[in-house]
Amino acid sequence: MTHRLEVRVYYEDTDAGGVVYHAGYLRFAERARTELLRAAGLDHRTLLERAGGQLVVRRLEADFLAPARLDDLLSIDTRPLATTGARTVLEQTVRCGDTLLVRLAVEIAFVGRDGRPRRLPEALRRALAPTEPARPARVRPRAGRADAPRAGRADAPRAGRADAP
């Protein structure tokens, strides 16, 4: 299930230059995830009261591709990619018209009141089940793992460098 939320960029979302501050996209994405739950007949309060837990962001990767500006109308699409045990990975995109501005990969987990991971309640699992063929998640391995060099790390080979293979 892909869910779309439209938001208008307000003055409070921008920096002095009238461009959306990077943390603003995280707020927009949070609202979109919340509205995805509402569209499935769930909400955060009900999850806490009936299932004894809440969703938390475990990992997030954001690619900022182009800026949004004051008064832009943005579309935030949220699509589940994979769901397991206590976690799910979502792809979120922020667009202004046809222009892709931000791409996010968000891993969320369900935790009990004690903060420990718990299995996703069945209703939540159904709501977050991917409906399209899964693509590999873009959430990268933790930093520091020897088997996972990333662009921008000092030890990652770069094209054009003498030490690049």
Protein backbone atom coordinates (compact mmCIF):
# COMPACT_ATOMS: atom_id res chain seq x y z
CA MET A 1 0.00 0.00 0.00
CA THR A 2 1.46 3.33 -1.03
CA HIS A 3 0.09 6.30 0.87
CA ARG A 4 0.35 9.92 -0.25
CA LEU A 5 0.24 12.99 2.00
CA GLU A 6 0.35 16.53 0.65
CA VAL A 7 1.88 19.30 2.74
CA ARG A 8 2.44 22.98 2.08
CA VAL A 9 5.80 24.49 3.00
CA TYR A 10 5.26 27.21 5.59
CA TYR A 11 7.62 29.93 6.74
CA GLU A 12 8.35 27.92 9.93
CA ASP A 13 9.72 25.07 7.76
CA THR A 14 12.37 27.19 6.06
CA ASP A 15 15.72 28.73 6.80
CA ALA A 16 16.64 32.39 6.24
CA GLY A 17 16.92 31.77 2.48
CA GLY A 18 13.38 30.42 2.16
CA VAL A 19 14.59 26.82 1.66
CA VAL A 20 13.26 23.91 3.73
CA TYR A 21 15.67 23.14 6.55
CA HIS A 22 16.85 19.51 6.39
CA ALA A 23 15.08 18.50 9.62
CA GLY A 24 11.80 19.73 8.14
CA TYR A 25 11.77 16.75 5.77
CA LEU A 26 11.96 14.41 8.78
CA ARG A 27 8.85 16.07 10.25
CA PHE A 28 7.03 15.75 6.92
CA ALA A 29 8.01 12.05 6.75
CA GLU A 30 6.80 11.45 10.31
CA ARG A 31 3.43 13.00 9.49
CA ALA A 32 3.17 10.82 6.38
CA ARG A 33 3.91 7.64 8.39
CA THR A 34 1.27 8.65 10.94
CA GLU A 35 -1.31 9.24 8.20
CA LEU A 36 -0.43 5.86 6.63
CA LEU A 37 -1.45 4.28 9.94
CA ARG A 38 -4.66 6.33 10.08
CA ALA A 39 -5.57 5.26 6.54
CA ALA A 40 -5.25 1.65 7.75
CA GLY A 41 -7.56 2.33 10.71
CA LEU A 42 -4.78 2.58 13.31
CA ASP A 43 -3.24 5.40 15.30
CA HIS A 44 -0.43 5.84 17.80
CA ARG A 45 -2.70 6.24 20.83
CA THR A 46 -4.57 3.00 20.06
CA LEU A 47 -1.31 1.11 19.57
CA LEU A 48 -0.11 2.28 22.97
CA GLU A 49 -3.41 1.62 24.76
CA ARG A 50 -4.39 -1.70 23.14
CA ALA A 51 -1.10 -3.22 22.04
CA GLY A 52 1.05 -1.77 24.82
CA GLY A 53 3.68 -0.32 22.53
CA GLN A 54 4.71 2.24 19.98
CA LEU A 55 6.63 2.64 16.76
CA VAL A 56 10.09 4.17 16.90
CA VAL A 57 12.60 5.03 14.20
CA ARG A 58 15.51 2.61 14.43
CA ARG A 59 17.46 3.74 11.39
CA LEU A 60 17.00 6.39 8.72
CA GLU A 61 18.85 7.22 5.53
CA ALA A 62 18.07 10.38 3.59
CA ASP A 63 19.23 11.48 0.15
CA PHE A 64 18.64 15.21 -0.31
CA LEU A 65 18.44 15.74 -4.07
CA ALA A 66 16.85 19.18 -4.54
CA PRO A 67 15.46 21.88 -2.23
CA ALA A 68 11.84 22.68 -1.44
CA ARG A 69 10.97 26.33 -1.00
CA LEU A 70 8.47 28.49 0.83
CA ASP A 71 4.86 27.88 -0.37
CA ASP A 72 5.71 24.73 -2.38
CA LEU A 73 3.09 21.99 -2.29
CA LEU A 74 4.87 18.71 -1.54
CA SER A 75 3.72 15.12 -1.94
CA ILE A 76 5.15 12.56 0.48
CA ASP A 77 4.68 8.96 -0.66
CA THR A 78 5.19 6.17 1.87
CA ARG A 79 5.56 2.57 0.75
CA PRO A 80 6.35 -0.48 2.88
CA LEU A 81 9.23 -2.51 1.45
CA ALA A 82 9.68 -5.33 3.97
CA THR A 83 8.19 -6.37 7.28
CA THR A 84 9.66 -8.86 9.75
CA GLY A 85 9.09 -9.67 13.44
CA ALA A 86 9.26 -6.32 15.20
CA ARG A 87 10.47 -4.17 12.29
CA THR A 88 9.49 -2.79 8.93
CA VAL A 89 11.38 -0.84 6.28
CA LEU A 90 9.59 1.96 4.46
CA GLU A 91 10.55 3.95 1.40
CA GLN A 92 9.46 7.57 1.55
CA THR A 93 9.82 10.10 -1.24
CA VAL A 94 9.20 13.83 -1.17
CA ARG A 95 8.30 15.48 -4.45
CA CYS A 96 7.32 18.90 -5.66
CA GLY A 97 5.32 18.24 -8.79
CA ASP A 98 7.37 15.76 -10.83
CA THR A 99 10.67 16.70 -9.16
CA LEU A 100 12.06 14.22 -6.63
CA LEU A 101 13.47 16.25 -3.73
CA VAL A 102 14.26 13.70 -1.01
CA ARG A 103 14.38 9.91 -0.84
CA LEU A 104 14.26 8.26 2.59
CA ALA A 105 14.68 4.68 3.74
CA VAL A 106 13.25 4.34 7.23
CA GLU A 107 13.43 1.30 9.47
CA ILE A 108 10.83 1.44 12.22
CA ALA A 109 10.44 -0.95 15.13
CA PHE A 110 7.61 -1.73 17.52
CA VAL A 111 8.66 -1.47 21.16
CA GLY A 112 6.78 -2.08 24.40
CA ARG A 113 6.40 0.47 27.16
CA ASP A 114 9.67 -0.83 28.57
CA GLY A 115 11.45 0.16 25.33
CA ARG A 116 12.22 -3.44 24.34
CA PRO A 117 11.37 -4.74 20.85
CA ARG A 118 8.11 -6.64 20.48
CA ARG A 119 6.47 -8.41 17.56
CA LEU A 120 4.32 -6.15 15.43
CA PRO A 121 0.64 -6.54 16.36
CA GLU A 122 -1.24 -8.40 13.60
CA ALA A 123 -3.30 -5.36 12.55
CA LEU A 124 -0.11 -3.32 12.23
CA ARG A 125 1.64 -6.13 10.35
CA ARG A 126 -1.23 -6.21 7.83
CA ALA A 127 -1.20 -2.42 7.47
CA LEU A 128 2.56 -2.41 6.78
CA ALA A 129 2.66 -5.45 4.51
CA PRO A 130 4.29 -4.67 1.16
CA THR A 131 1.81 -4.87 -1.72
CA GLU A 132 4.37 -4.53 -4.50
CA PRO A 133 7.43 -6.68 -5.20
CA ALA A 134 10.10 -5.87 -2.63
CA ARG A 135 13.22 -4.02 -3.67
CA PRO A 136 16.39 -4.17 -1.64
CA ALA A 137 16.16 -1.79 1.29
CA ARG A 138 18.39 1.24 1.08
CA VAL A 139 19.11 1.30 4.80
CA ARG A 140 22.84 0.69 4.89
CA PRO A 141 24.79 -1.48 7.32
CA ARG A 142 26.08 0.21 10.45
CA ALA A 143 29.16 2.37 10.05
CA GLY A 144 32.43 0.70 10.90
CA ARG A 145 31.70 -2.71 9.42
CA ALA A 146 34.67 -3.79 7.35
CA ASP A 147 32.47 -5.46 4.74
CA ALA A 148 30.43 -2.34 4.00
CA PRO A 149 32.48 0.54 2.54
CA ARG A 150 30.32 3.57 1.78
CA ALA A 151 30.77 6.52 -0.49
CA GLY A 152 32.49 9.32 1.33
CA ARG A 153 34.43 7.12 3.75
CA ALA A 154 38.17 7.57 3.68
CA ASP A 155 38.76 3.86 3.03
CA ALA A 156 36.28 3.61 0.11
CA PRO A 157 37.98 3.60 -3.31
CA ARG A 158 37.06 6.52 -5.55
CA ALA A 159 37.20 6.75 -9.31
CA GLY A 160 40.15 8.76 -10.53
CA ARG A 161 42.31 8.17 -7.45
CA ALA A 162 45.63 6.46 -7.87
CA ASP A 163 44.72 3.82 -5.27
CA ALA A 164 41.35 3.01 -6.92
CA PRO A 165 41.19 -0.45 -8.50
